[in-house]
Each structure stands twice: as C-alpha cells, then as structure tokens.
C-alpha atoms as a PDB file:
ATOM      1  CA  MET A   1     -29.038 -31.380 -69.687  1.00  0.00           C
ATOM      2  CA  SER A   2     -30.775 -30.727 -73.032  1.00  0.00           C
ATOM      3  CA  GLU A   3     -28.488 -29.764 -75.910  1.00  0.00           C
ATOM      4  CA  SER A   4     -29.130 -26.754 -78.142  1.00  0.00           C
ATOM      5  CA  VAL A   5     -31.516 -27.628 -80.967  1.00  0.00           C
ATOM      6  CA  ASP A   6     -31.863 -25.907 -84.354  1.00  0.00           C
ATOM      7  CA  LEU A   7     -35.515 -25.481 -85.258  1.00  0.00           C
ATOM      8  CA  TYR A   8     -35.715 -22.119 -87.017  1.00  0.00           C
ATOM      9  CA  ASN A   9     -32.645 -22.168 -89.272  1.00  0.00           C
ATOM     10  CA  SER A  10     -33.457 -25.636 -90.573  1.00  0.00           C
ATOM     11  CA  SER A  11     -37.109 -24.689 -91.128  1.00  0.00           C
ATOM     12  CA  TYR A  12     -36.321 -21.498 -93.049  1.00  0.00           C
ATOM     13  CA  ARG A  13     -33.307 -22.894 -94.904  1.00  0.00           C
ATOM     14  CA  ASN A  14     -35.424 -25.813 -96.141  1.00  0.00           C
ATOM     15  CA  TYR A  15     -38.558 -23.747 -96.729  1.00  0.00           C
ATOM     16  CA  ASP A  16     -38.997 -24.938-100.343  1.00  0.00           C
ATOM     17  CA  SER A  17     -38.331 -28.595 -99.539  1.00  0.00           C
ATOM     18  CA  ASP A  18     -41.309 -30.862-100.218  1.00  0.00           C
ATOM     19  CA  VAL A  19     -40.932 -32.690 -96.913  1.00  0.00           C
ATOM     20  CA  TYR A  20     -41.075 -29.445 -94.915  1.00  0.00           C
ATOM     21  CA  ARG A  21     -44.107 -28.320 -96.922  1.00  0.00           C
ATOM     22  CA  GLN A  22     -45.807 -31.623 -96.124  1.00  0.00           C
ATOM     23  CA  VAL A  23     -45.021 -31.262 -92.417  1.00  0.00           C
ATOM     24  CA  ARG A  24     -46.493 -27.744 -92.331  1.00  0.00           C
ATOM     25  CA  THR A  25     -49.617 -28.824 -94.203  1.00  0.00           C
ATOM     26  CA  ASP A  26     -50.201 -31.812 -91.910  1.00  0.00           C
ATOM     27  CA  THR A  27     -49.572 -29.674 -88.829  1.00  0.00           C
ATOM     28  CA  TYR A  28     -51.649 -26.605 -89.645  1.00  0.00           C
ATOM     29  CA  GLY A  29     -53.976 -27.692 -92.458  1.00  0.00           C
ATOM     30  CA  GLU A  30     -52.367 -25.167 -94.807  1.00  0.00           C
ATOM     31  CA  ASP A  31     -48.818 -24.126 -95.603  1.00  0.00           C
ATOM     32  CA  LEU A  32     -47.980 -20.587 -94.511  1.00  0.00           C
ATOM     33  CA  GLY A  33     -44.373 -21.364 -93.602  1.00  0.00           C
ATOM     34  CA  GLN A  34     -45.411 -21.523 -89.951  1.00  0.00           C
ATOM     35  CA  THR A  35     -43.241 -22.279 -86.939  1.00  0.00           C
ATOM     36  CA  SER A  36     -45.710 -21.076 -84.304  1.00  0.00           C
ATOM     37  CA  TRP A  37     -48.628 -22.385 -82.263  1.00  0.00           C
ATOM     38  CA  VAL A  38     -51.230 -20.412 -84.246  1.00  0.00           C
ATOM     39  CA  THR A  39     -54.016 -22.524 -85.720  1.00  0.00           C
ATOM     40  CA  THR A  40     -55.531 -21.662 -89.099  1.00  0.00           C
ATOM     41  CA  GLN A  41     -58.708 -20.400 -87.429  1.00  0.00           C
ATOM     42  CA  GLU A  42     -56.763 -18.196 -85.044  1.00  0.00           C
ATOM     43  CA  SER A  43     -54.708 -16.719 -87.895  1.00  0.00           C
ATOM     44  CA  GLN A  44     -57.889 -15.859 -89.773  1.00  0.00           C
ATOM     45  CA  GLU A  45     -59.171 -13.916 -86.756  1.00  0.00           C
ATOM     46  CA  ILE A  46     -56.135 -11.652 -86.388  1.00  0.00           C
ATOM     47  CA  PRO A  47     -57.007  -9.055 -89.087  1.00  0.00           C
ATOM     48  CA  GLN A  48     -60.500  -8.682 -87.614  1.00  0.00           C
ATOM     49  CA  ARG A  49     -59.186  -8.254 -84.071  1.00  0.00           C
ATOM     50  CA  LEU A  50     -56.737  -5.634 -85.313  1.00  0.00           C
ATOM     51  CA  GLU A  51     -59.540  -3.934 -87.310  1.00  0.00           C
ATOM     52  CA  LEU A  52     -57.330  -3.748 -90.400  1.00  0.00           C
ATOM     53  CA  THR A  53     -58.394  -1.789 -93.470  1.00  0.00           C
ATOM     54  CA  ARG A  54     -56.884  -1.376 -96.939  1.00  0.00           C
ATOM     55  CA  GLU A  55     -55.317   1.905 -95.802  1.00  0.00           C
ATOM     56  CA  ALA A  56     -53.549   0.359 -92.800  1.00  0.00           C
ATOM     57  CA  PHE A  57     -49.781   0.101 -92.408  1.00  0.00           C
ATOM     58  CA  VAL A  58     -49.041  -2.969 -90.276  1.00  0.00           C
ATOM     59  CA  LEU A  59     -45.882  -4.111 -88.491  1.00  0.00           C
ATOM     60  CA  GLU A  60     -45.219  -7.789 -87.701  1.00  0.00           C
ATOM     61  CA  LEU A  61     -42.541  -8.622 -85.126  1.00  0.00           C
ATOM     62  CA  GLY A  62     -41.011 -12.073 -85.618  1.00  0.00           C
ATOM     63  CA  CYS A  63     -42.303 -12.609 -89.150  1.00  0.00           C
ATOM     64  CA  GLY A  64     -40.207 -15.711 -89.892  1.00  0.00           C
ATOM     65  CA  SER A  65     -40.514 -16.670 -93.567  1.00  0.00           C
ATOM     66  CA  GLY A  66     -43.189 -14.030 -94.100  1.00  0.00           C
ATOM     67  CA  ARG A  67     -46.039 -16.114 -95.475  1.00  0.00           C
ATOM     68  CA  TYR A  68     -48.578 -14.981 -92.909  1.00  0.00           C
ATOM     69  CA  ALA A  69     -47.741 -11.321 -93.492  1.00  0.00           C
ATOM     70  CA  LEU A  70     -48.223 -11.909 -97.216  1.00  0.00           C
ATOM     71  CA  GLN A  71     -51.577 -13.562 -96.567  1.00  0.00           C
ATOM     72  CA  VAL A  72     -52.735 -10.596 -94.480  1.00  0.00           C
ATOM     73  CA  ALA A  73     -51.653  -8.120 -97.160  1.00  0.00           C
ATOM     74  CA  GLU A  74     -53.398 -10.079 -99.907  1.00  0.00           C
ATOM     75  CA  ALA A  75     -56.592 -10.626 -97.913  1.00  0.00           C
ATOM     76  CA  VAL A  76     -56.948  -7.061 -96.600  1.00  0.00           C
ATOM     77  CA  GLY A  77     -55.066  -5.049 -99.215  1.00  0.00           C
ATOM     78  CA  CYS A  78     -52.981  -3.243 -96.593  1.00  0.00           C
ATOM     79  CA  ARG A  79     -49.246  -2.584 -96.384  1.00  0.00           C
ATOM     80  CA  VAL A  80     -47.171  -4.847 -94.114  1.00  0.00           C
ATOM     81  CA  LEU A  81     -43.586  -4.646 -92.887  1.00  0.00           C
ATOM     82  CA  GLY A  82     -42.157  -7.757 -91.230  1.00  0.00           C
ATOM     83  CA  LEU A  83     -39.142  -7.878 -88.920  1.00  0.00           C
ATOM     84  CA  ASP A  84     -37.144 -10.894 -87.788  1.00  0.00           C
ATOM     85  CA  ILE A  85     -33.636 -11.537 -86.494  1.00  0.00           C
ATOM     86  CA  ASN A  86     -33.313 -14.694 -88.630  1.00  0.00           C
ATOM     87  CA  GLY A  87     -31.513 -13.921 -91.904  1.00  0.00           C
ATOM     88  CA  PRO A  88     -32.640 -17.014 -93.881  1.00  0.00           C
ATOM     89  CA  GLY A  89     -36.240 -16.281 -92.908  1.00  0.00           C
ATOM     90  CA  ILE A  90     -36.018 -12.674 -94.125  1.00  0.00           C
ATOM     91  CA  ARG A  91     -34.397 -13.685 -97.429  1.00  0.00           C
ATOM     92  CA  THR A  92     -37.157 -16.224 -98.041  1.00  0.00           C
ATOM     93  CA  ALA A  93     -39.835 -13.670 -97.111  1.00  0.00           C
ATOM     94  CA  ASN A  94     -38.599 -11.034 -99.573  1.00  0.00           C
ATOM     95  CA  GLN A  95     -38.260 -13.638-102.331  1.00  0.00           C
ATOM     96  CA  LEU A  96     -41.866 -14.697-101.745  1.00  0.00           C
ATOM     97  CA  ALA A  97     -43.075 -11.079-101.832  1.00  0.00           C
ATOM     98  CA  ARG A  98     -41.331 -10.513-105.169  1.00  0.00           C
ATOM     99  CA  ALA A  99     -42.616 -13.790-106.599  1.00  0.00           C
ATOM    100  CA  ARG A 100     -46.187 -12.821-105.677  1.00  0.00           C
ATOM    101  CA  GLY A 101     -45.776  -9.370-107.175  1.00  0.00           C
ATOM    102  CA  ILE A 102     -46.671  -7.480-103.988  1.00  0.00           C
ATOM    103  CA  ASP A 103     -43.215  -6.336-102.858  1.00  0.00           C
ATOM    104  CA  SER A 104     -44.377  -2.727-103.295  1.00  0.00           C
ATOM    105  CA  ARG A 105     -46.782  -3.270-100.373  1.00  0.00           C
ATOM    106  CA  VAL A 106     -45.020  -5.953 -98.332  1.00  0.00           C
ATOM    107  CA  SER A 107     -41.370  -5.990 -97.308  1.00  0.00           C
ATOM    108  CA  PHE A 108     -39.190  -7.641 -94.688  1.00  0.00           C
ATOM    109  CA  GLU A 109     -36.116  -6.521 -92.781  1.00  0.00           C
ATOM    110  CA  GLU A 110     -33.603  -8.277 -90.549  1.00  0.00           C
ATOM    111  CA  CYS A 111     -33.859  -6.566 -87.179  1.00  0.00           C
ATOM    112  CA  ASP A 112     -33.249  -7.205 -83.482  1.00  0.00           C
ATOM    113  CA  VAL A 113     -36.548  -5.975 -82.050  1.00  0.00           C
ATOM    114  CA  SER A 114     -35.158  -6.006 -78.506  1.00  0.00           C
ATOM    115  CA  GLN A 115     -33.442  -2.754 -79.490  1.00  0.00           C
ATOM    116  CA  GLN A 116     -35.224   0.480 -80.369  1.00  0.00           C
ATOM    117  CA  LEU A 117     -37.325   0.051 -83.501  1.00  0.00           C
ATOM    118  CA  PRO A 118     -35.882   2.069 -86.442  1.00  0.00           C
ATOM    119  CA  PHE A 119     -39.123   3.931 -87.180  1.00  0.00           C
ATOM    120  CA  ALA A 120     -40.549   7.352 -86.460  1.00  0.00           C
ATOM    121  CA  ASP A 121     -43.230   7.910 -83.848  1.00  0.00           C
ATOM    122  CA  GLN A 122     -46.798   7.057 -84.897  1.00  0.00           C
ATOM    123  CA  THR A 123     -45.809   5.168 -88.070  1.00  0.00           C
ATOM    124  CA  PHE A 124     -48.082   2.112 -87.884  1.00  0.00           C
ATOM    125  CA  ASP A 125     -51.809   1.497 -87.559  1.00  0.00           C
ATOM    126  CA  ALA A 126     -51.343  -1.960 -86.001  1.00  0.00           C
ATOM    127  CA  VAL A 127     -48.622  -4.248 -84.672  1.00  0.00           C
ATOM    128  CA  PHE A 128     -48.833  -8.004 -84.161  1.00  0.00           C
ATOM    129  CA  SER A 129     -46.509 -10.797 -83.112  1.00  0.00           C
ATOM    130  CA  ASN A 130     -47.293 -14.520 -83.146  1.00  0.00           C
ATOM    131  CA  ASP A 131     -45.407 -16.417 -80.412  1.00  0.00           C
ATOM    132  CA  ALA A 132     -42.252 -14.341 -80.920  1.00  0.00           C
ATOM    133  CA  LEU A 133     -41.972 -11.900 -77.996  1.00  0.00           C
ATOM    134  CA  CYS A 134     -41.141 -14.799 -75.671  1.00  0.00           C
ATOM    135  CA  HIS A 135     -37.773 -14.894 -77.511  1.00  0.00           C
ATOM    136  CA  VAL A 136     -37.089 -11.202 -76.908  1.00  0.00           C
ATOM    137  CA  PRO A 137     -35.472  -9.696 -73.788  1.00  0.00           C
ATOM    138  CA  ARG A 138     -36.478  -6.312 -72.310  1.00  0.00           C
ATOM    139  CA  ARG A 139     -40.221  -6.840 -72.805  1.00  0.00           C
ATOM    140  CA  GLN A 140     -41.196  -3.689 -70.943  1.00  0.00           C
ATOM    141  CA  GLU A 141     -38.972  -1.562 -73.204  1.00  0.00           C
ATOM    142  CA  VAL A 142     -40.184  -3.409 -76.302  1.00  0.00           C
ATOM    143  CA  LEU A 143     -43.826  -2.737 -75.433  1.00  0.00           C
ATOM    144  CA  LYS A 144     -43.080   0.941 -74.794  1.00  0.00           C
ATOM    145  CA  ASP A 145     -41.367   1.173 -78.180  1.00  0.00           C
ATOM    146  CA  ILE A 146     -44.335  -0.497 -79.880  1.00  0.00           C
ATOM    147  CA  TRP A 147     -46.559   2.118 -78.210  1.00  0.00           C
ATOM    148  CA  ARG A 148     -44.257   4.827 -79.610  1.00  0.00           C
ATOM    149  CA  VAL A 149     -44.463   3.659 -83.247  1.00  0.00           C
ATOM    150  CA  LEU A 150     -48.234   3.074 -83.153  1.00  0.00           C
ATOM    151  CA  LYS A 151     -50.644   5.812 -84.183  1.00  0.00           C
ATOM    152  CA  PRO A 152     -53.230   6.930 -81.592  1.00  0.00           C
ATOM    153  CA  GLY A 153     -56.013   4.350 -81.592  1.00  0.00           C
ATOM    154  CA  GLY A 154     -53.665   1.745 -83.082  1.00  0.00           C
ATOM    155  CA  ARG A 155     -53.925  -1.857 -81.971  1.00  0.00           C
ATOM    156  CA  LEU A 156     -51.399  -4.385 -80.665  1.00  0.00           C
ATOM    157  CA  LEU A 157     -51.936  -8.151 -80.680  1.00  0.00           C
ATOM    158  CA  PHE A 158     -49.371 -10.654 -79.457  1.00  0.00           C
ATOM    159  CA  SER A 159     -49.338 -14.180 -78.084  1.00  0.00           C
ATOM    160  CA  ASP A 160     -47.187 -15.631 -75.301  1.00  0.00           C
ATOM    161  CA  ALA A 161     -46.910 -19.404 -75.053  1.00  0.00           C
ATOM    162  CA  LEU A 162     -44.758 -19.288 -71.913  1.00  0.00           C
ATOM    163  CA  VAL A 163     -47.130 -18.111 -69.211  1.00  0.00           C
ATOM    164  CA  ILE A 164     -46.479 -20.273 -66.158  1.00  0.00           C
ATOM    165  CA  GLY A 165     -49.535 -22.240 -65.083  1.00  0.00           C
ATOM    166  CA  GLY A 166     -48.109 -24.836 -62.725  1.00  0.00           C
ATOM    167  CA  ILE A 167     -45.000 -26.596 -61.472  1.00  0.00           C
ATOM    168  CA  ILE A 168     -42.313 -27.138 -64.119  1.00  0.00           C
ATOM    169  CA  SER A 169     -39.144 -29.113 -63.535  1.00  0.00           C
ATOM    170  CA  HIS A 170     -35.609 -27.962 -64.272  1.00  0.00           C
ATOM    171  CA  GLU A 171     -35.290 -30.542 -67.062  1.00  0.00           C
ATOM    172  CA  GLU A 172     -38.593 -29.467 -68.624  1.00  0.00           C
ATOM    173  CA  ILE A 173     -37.457 -25.837 -68.654  1.00  0.00           C
ATOM    174  CA  LEU A 174     -34.205 -26.870 -70.339  1.00  0.00           C
ATOM    175  CA  THR A 175     -36.029 -28.914 -72.963  1.00  0.00           C
ATOM    176  CA  ARG A 176     -38.643 -26.209 -73.606  1.00  0.00           C
ATOM    177  CA  SER A 177     -35.811 -23.675 -74.018  1.00  0.00           C
ATOM    178  CA  SER A 178     -33.578 -25.893 -76.155  1.00  0.00           C
ATOM    179  CA  ILE A 179     -34.379 -24.135 -79.468  1.00  0.00           C
ATOM    180  CA  GLY A 180     -33.292 -20.681 -78.349  1.00  0.00           C
ATOM    181  CA  TYR A 181     -33.546 -17.819 -75.865  1.00  0.00           C
ATOM    182  CA  TYR A 182     -36.821 -17.780 -73.928  1.00  0.00           C
ATOM    183  CA  VAL A 183     -38.514 -15.655 -71.283  1.00  0.00           C
ATOM    184  CA  PHE A 184     -41.131 -17.304 -69.044  1.00  0.00           C
ATOM    185  CA  SER A 185     -43.890 -15.062 -67.634  1.00  0.00           C
ATOM    186  CA  PRO A 186     -45.775 -15.357 -64.341  1.00  0.00           C
ATOM    187  CA  PRO A 187     -49.583 -15.018 -64.563  1.00  0.00           C
ATOM    188  CA  GLY A 188     -50.680 -11.382 -64.854  1.00  0.00           C
ATOM    189  CA  GLU A 189     -47.248 -10.015 -65.768  1.00  0.00           C
ATOM    190  CA  ASN A 190     -48.036  -9.341 -69.436  1.00  0.00           C
ATOM    191  CA  GLU A 191     -51.208  -7.526 -68.410  1.00  0.00           C
ATOM    192  CA  ARG A 192     -49.200  -5.348 -66.026  1.00  0.00           C
ATOM    193  CA  LEU A 193     -46.489  -4.581 -68.595  1.00  0.00           C
ATOM    194  CA  ILE A 194     -49.042  -3.768 -71.307  1.00  0.00           C
ATOM    195  CA  GLU A 195     -50.762  -1.214 -69.092  1.00  0.00           C
ATOM    196  CA  GLN A 196     -47.478   0.258 -67.827  1.00  0.00           C
ATOM    197  CA  ALA A 197     -46.424   0.791 -71.454  1.00  0.00           C
ATOM    198  CA  GLY A 198     -49.467   3.028 -71.905  1.00  0.00           C
ATOM    199  CA  PHE A 199     -51.886   0.657 -73.618  1.00  0.00           C
ATOM    200  CA  ARG A 200     -55.473  -0.105 -72.715  1.00  0.00           C
ATOM    201  CA  LEU A 201     -55.902  -3.867 -72.465  1.00  0.00           C
ATOM    202  CA  VAL A 202     -58.931  -4.946 -74.519  1.00  0.00           C
ATOM    203  CA  GLU A 203     -58.964  -8.703 -73.951  1.00  0.00           C
ATOM    204  CA  VAL A 204     -56.900 -11.741 -73.024  1.00  0.00           C
ATOM    205  CA  LEU A 205     -57.694 -15.012 -74.781  1.00  0.00           C
ATOM    206  CA  ASP A 206     -56.631 -18.422 -73.505  1.00  0.00           C
ATOM    207  CA  ARG A 207     -55.283 -20.348 -76.507  1.00  0.00           C
ATOM    208  CA  THR A 208     -53.399 -23.037 -74.600  1.00  0.00           C
ATOM    209  CA  GLU A 209     -55.310 -25.823 -76.344  1.00  0.00           C
ATOM    210  CA  ASN A 210     -54.071 -24.552 -79.698  1.00  0.00           C
ATOM    211  CA  ALA A 211     -50.450 -24.974 -78.616  1.00  0.00           C
ATOM    212  CA  ALA A 212     -51.113 -28.505 -77.351  1.00  0.00           C
ATOM    213  CA  ARG A 213     -52.887 -29.453 -80.579  1.00  0.00           C
ATOM    214  CA  ILE A 214     -50.223 -27.985 -82.873  1.00  0.00           C
ATOM    215  CA  ALA A 215     -47.365 -29.559 -80.917  1.00  0.00           C
ATOM    216  CA  ARG A 216     -48.951 -33.009 -81.201  1.00  0.00           C
ATOM    217  CA  ARG A 217     -49.627 -32.666 -84.932  1.00  0.00           C
ATOM    218  CA  TRP A 218     -46.169 -31.243 -85.606  1.00  0.00           C
ATOM    219  CA  TYR A 219     -44.530 -34.112 -83.721  1.00  0.00           C
ATOM    220  CA  ASP A 220     -46.561 -36.733 -85.601  1.00  0.00           C
ATOM    221  CA  ALA A 221     -46.005 -35.123 -89.016  1.00  0.00           C
ATOM    222  CA  ARG A 222     -42.252 -35.087 -88.458  1.00  0.00           C
ATOM    223  CA  ARG A 223     -42.157 -38.644 -87.101  1.00  0.00           C
ATOM    224  CA  GLU A 224     -43.852 -39.910 -90.269  1.00  0.00           C
ATOM    225  CA  ARG A 225     -41.013 -38.368 -92.291  1.00  0.00           C
ATOM    226  CA  GLN A 226     -38.150 -39.225 -89.973  1.00  0.00           C
ATOM    227  CA  ASP A 227     -35.735 -40.480 -92.623  1.00  0.00           C
ATOM    228  CA  ALA A 228     -36.004 -37.422 -94.862  1.00  0.00           C
ATOM    229  CA  LEU A 229     -35.856 -34.961 -91.964  1.00  0.00           C
ATOM    230  CA  SER A 230     -32.946 -36.759 -90.296  1.00  0.00           C
ATOM    231  CA  SER A 231     -31.070 -36.531 -93.587  1.00  0.00           C
ATOM    232  CA  ALA A 232     -31.750 -32.798 -93.833  1.00  0.00           C
ATOM    233  CA  GLU A 233     -31.145 -31.914 -90.166  1.00  0.00           C
ATOM    234  CA  GLY A 234     -28.987 -34.701 -88.819  1.00  0.00           C
ATOM    235  CA  GLU A 235     -30.317 -37.441 -86.545  1.00  0.00           C
ATOM    236  CA  PRO A 236     -29.382 -35.736 -83.241  1.00  0.00           C
ATOM    237  CA  ASN A 237     -31.162 -32.526 -84.240  1.00  0.00           C
ATOM    238  CA  PHE A 238     -34.219 -34.406 -85.483  1.00  0.00           C
ATOM    239  CA  GLU A 239     -34.541 -36.137 -82.126  1.00  0.00           C
ATOM    240  CA  GLY A 240     -33.915 -32.874 -80.307  1.00  0.00           C
ATOM    241  CA  VAL A 241     -36.797 -31.180 -82.117  1.00  0.00           C
ATOM    242  CA  GLN A 242     -39.026 -34.170 -81.381  1.00  0.00           C
ATOM    243  CA  LYS A 243     -38.161 -33.993 -77.693  1.00  0.00           C
ATOM    244  CA  PHE A 244     -38.930 -30.261 -77.727  1.00  0.00           C
ATOM    245  CA  LEU A 245     -42.338 -30.785 -79.377  1.00  0.00           C
ATOM    246  CA  ALA A 246     -43.227 -33.608 -76.987  1.00  0.00           C
ATOM    247  CA  CYS A 247     -42.345 -31.336 -74.064  1.00  0.00           C
ATOM    248  CA  VAL A 248     -44.529 -28.521 -75.426  1.00  0.00           C
ATOM    249  CA  HIS A 249     -47.434 -30.936 -75.816  1.00  0.00           C
ATOM    250  CA  THR A 250     -47.069 -32.288 -72.291  1.00  0.00           C
ATOM    251  CA  LEU A 251     -46.737 -28.907 -70.583  1.00  0.00           C
ATOM    252  CA  THR A 252     -49.626 -27.282 -72.473  1.00  0.00           C
ATOM    253  CA  SER A 253     -52.007 -30.257 -72.377  1.00  0.00           C
ATOM    254  CA  GLU A 254     -51.459 -30.415 -68.611  1.00  0.00           C
ATOM    255  CA  ARG A 255     -51.765 -26.596 -68.474  1.00  0.00           C
ATOM    256  CA  ARG A 256     -48.505 -26.183 -66.641  1.00  0.00           C
ATOM    257  CA  LEU A 257     -47.552 -23.753 -69.405  1.00  0.00           C
ATOM    258  CA  LEU A 258     -50.288 -21.521 -70.819  1.00  0.00           C
ATOM    259  CA  ARG A 259     -50.578 -19.703 -74.121  1.00  0.00           C
ATOM    260  CA  HIS A 260     -52.412 -16.389 -73.957  1.00  0.00           C
ATOM    261  CA  VAL A 261     -53.239 -13.860 -76.677  1.00  0.00           C
ATOM    262  CA  TYR A 262     -53.292 -10.183 -75.700  1.00  0.00           C
ATOM    263  CA  LEU A 263     -55.135  -7.418 -77.556  1.00  0.00           C
ATOM    264  CA  ALA A 264     -54.546  -3.790 -76.580  1.00  0.00           C
ATOM    265  CA  THR A 265     -55.069  -0.303 -77.994  1.00  0.00           C
ATOM    266  CA  LYS A 266     -53.049   2.882 -77.763  1.00  0.00           C
ATOM    267  CA  HIS A 267     -54.935   5.625 -75.939  1.00  0.00           C
END
C-alpha cells in the first residue's frame, strides 16, 4: 500500500527556495509557483477563454501560492480573489501580492470550497480552477454554488486530470491518490454535472498530453536535484513524490487517466 506523501505543504513551505524555483522552471519553462498539470501555453489561453476584461472580478478555486492569479491580474488588469485550503500557500500568495504592489486588486483567502462559498449571489464575472476540483468532495453542490456566485453570462473554466480512460489497478489508484484526497470521474460525468448545475457547456478540451509531459519533466527536474530535495523533504517523501509523478506519467501517457478542460457559461 502506498504511504501518504506530502507534495503541497513542502512545495508551498519551500516556495522561495532556489532548488524549488529551479524545479518549477525546468518543469514548466517559467516559475509561477505551479503544482498543476497546466503548461505555459495552456495558462496563457485561460484569460481569453474566460473573455476577461479590466473590469472583471475573477475567482480562482485552488489558487495554491497565487502566482498564476497574480499573472492574470497583471496581464488583464482585472481583480482576482484566490481561495485555497492550504494555509502556507495562502500566506505566500498574499505576501507576493503585497510585494508586487497589487494587493488592492488581488487577494487570497484560506477557504474550504467544498462548503458554501462565502459570497453573495452574482458576485463574479468568471471562475476558474486548475486541476483542483478533483481534490474537492460534493462536486455537484460545488458547481451549483459556483453558478450562484457568477453573474449572468459569466464563465467557468476548470480542468480535471482524473477522468477514467481505461483499466487502473488498485495499486495505481493508491499511488495516484497518495498526495491527498481525490475524486475520480467516469467519462461524461463532468458534462452531466455542469449541465445539471445550470450551465451551458461551451467546449471540452482533451489536455491529457499536457499532464503526461509535465509529469515527466517534473520527475526529471526533481531527480536531478535529489540530494537537495531529500534534505528538504526527507528521503522517504522525496521517493514518494517521485513514485507519484511516475504513476501520473504512466497513466496519462497510456491514456488510462485523462485530463479534460471544461468551459461553460451561466445562462
């Protein structure tokens, strides 16, 4: 049985460490504090798909260390609020916003998004979530609550890297789930839940290759810095993360797990 592995706390706690910066840069091509399967090109497409303007107020669910939210705010000029359940990630995110002098437009809050969102109806122009909703229970209720806080015509974009595409063994499920709580989705289920929540589904994009590519690069970048990362995380945790990344690469490259991106609008 696979032991529990700490990926997120170690990543956010060591955000400013040179070795973690180097790993992120080698993995993604640029350092945005990422811990997702979003490539640089895909991240650049998100504001366009959401049709963001300078006047928009945007909500990110699962913002992590906040660097992508900051990039969106700086590139578009809009306001962004990021939510995440990870305390070290939120502290880092707010520190970065203050350091960049845009904390009047971008802020971050610690929040369990599986519960009702603490916002009034029709607050946001757009909501997005990069590879985070797979960690959140009660997806139907979460999607309904996102619909509630979106303005009419508002857009939702989220990715799910745990859409089942083939046969997966018990051990592979354990390894893939070793870094935290996960929900695996059968094909077509997200589409059904999106429409039941009241959204109109605009498009579904297959981004499985992105997950396979990122997992391979992330694994290699960490392996090249094994000594430093083992010192920071502990040898057992380092190996646990490596096993997790190898499993992600295998399952996505063989398309037994798929990563889909969903874009929807509120009627």
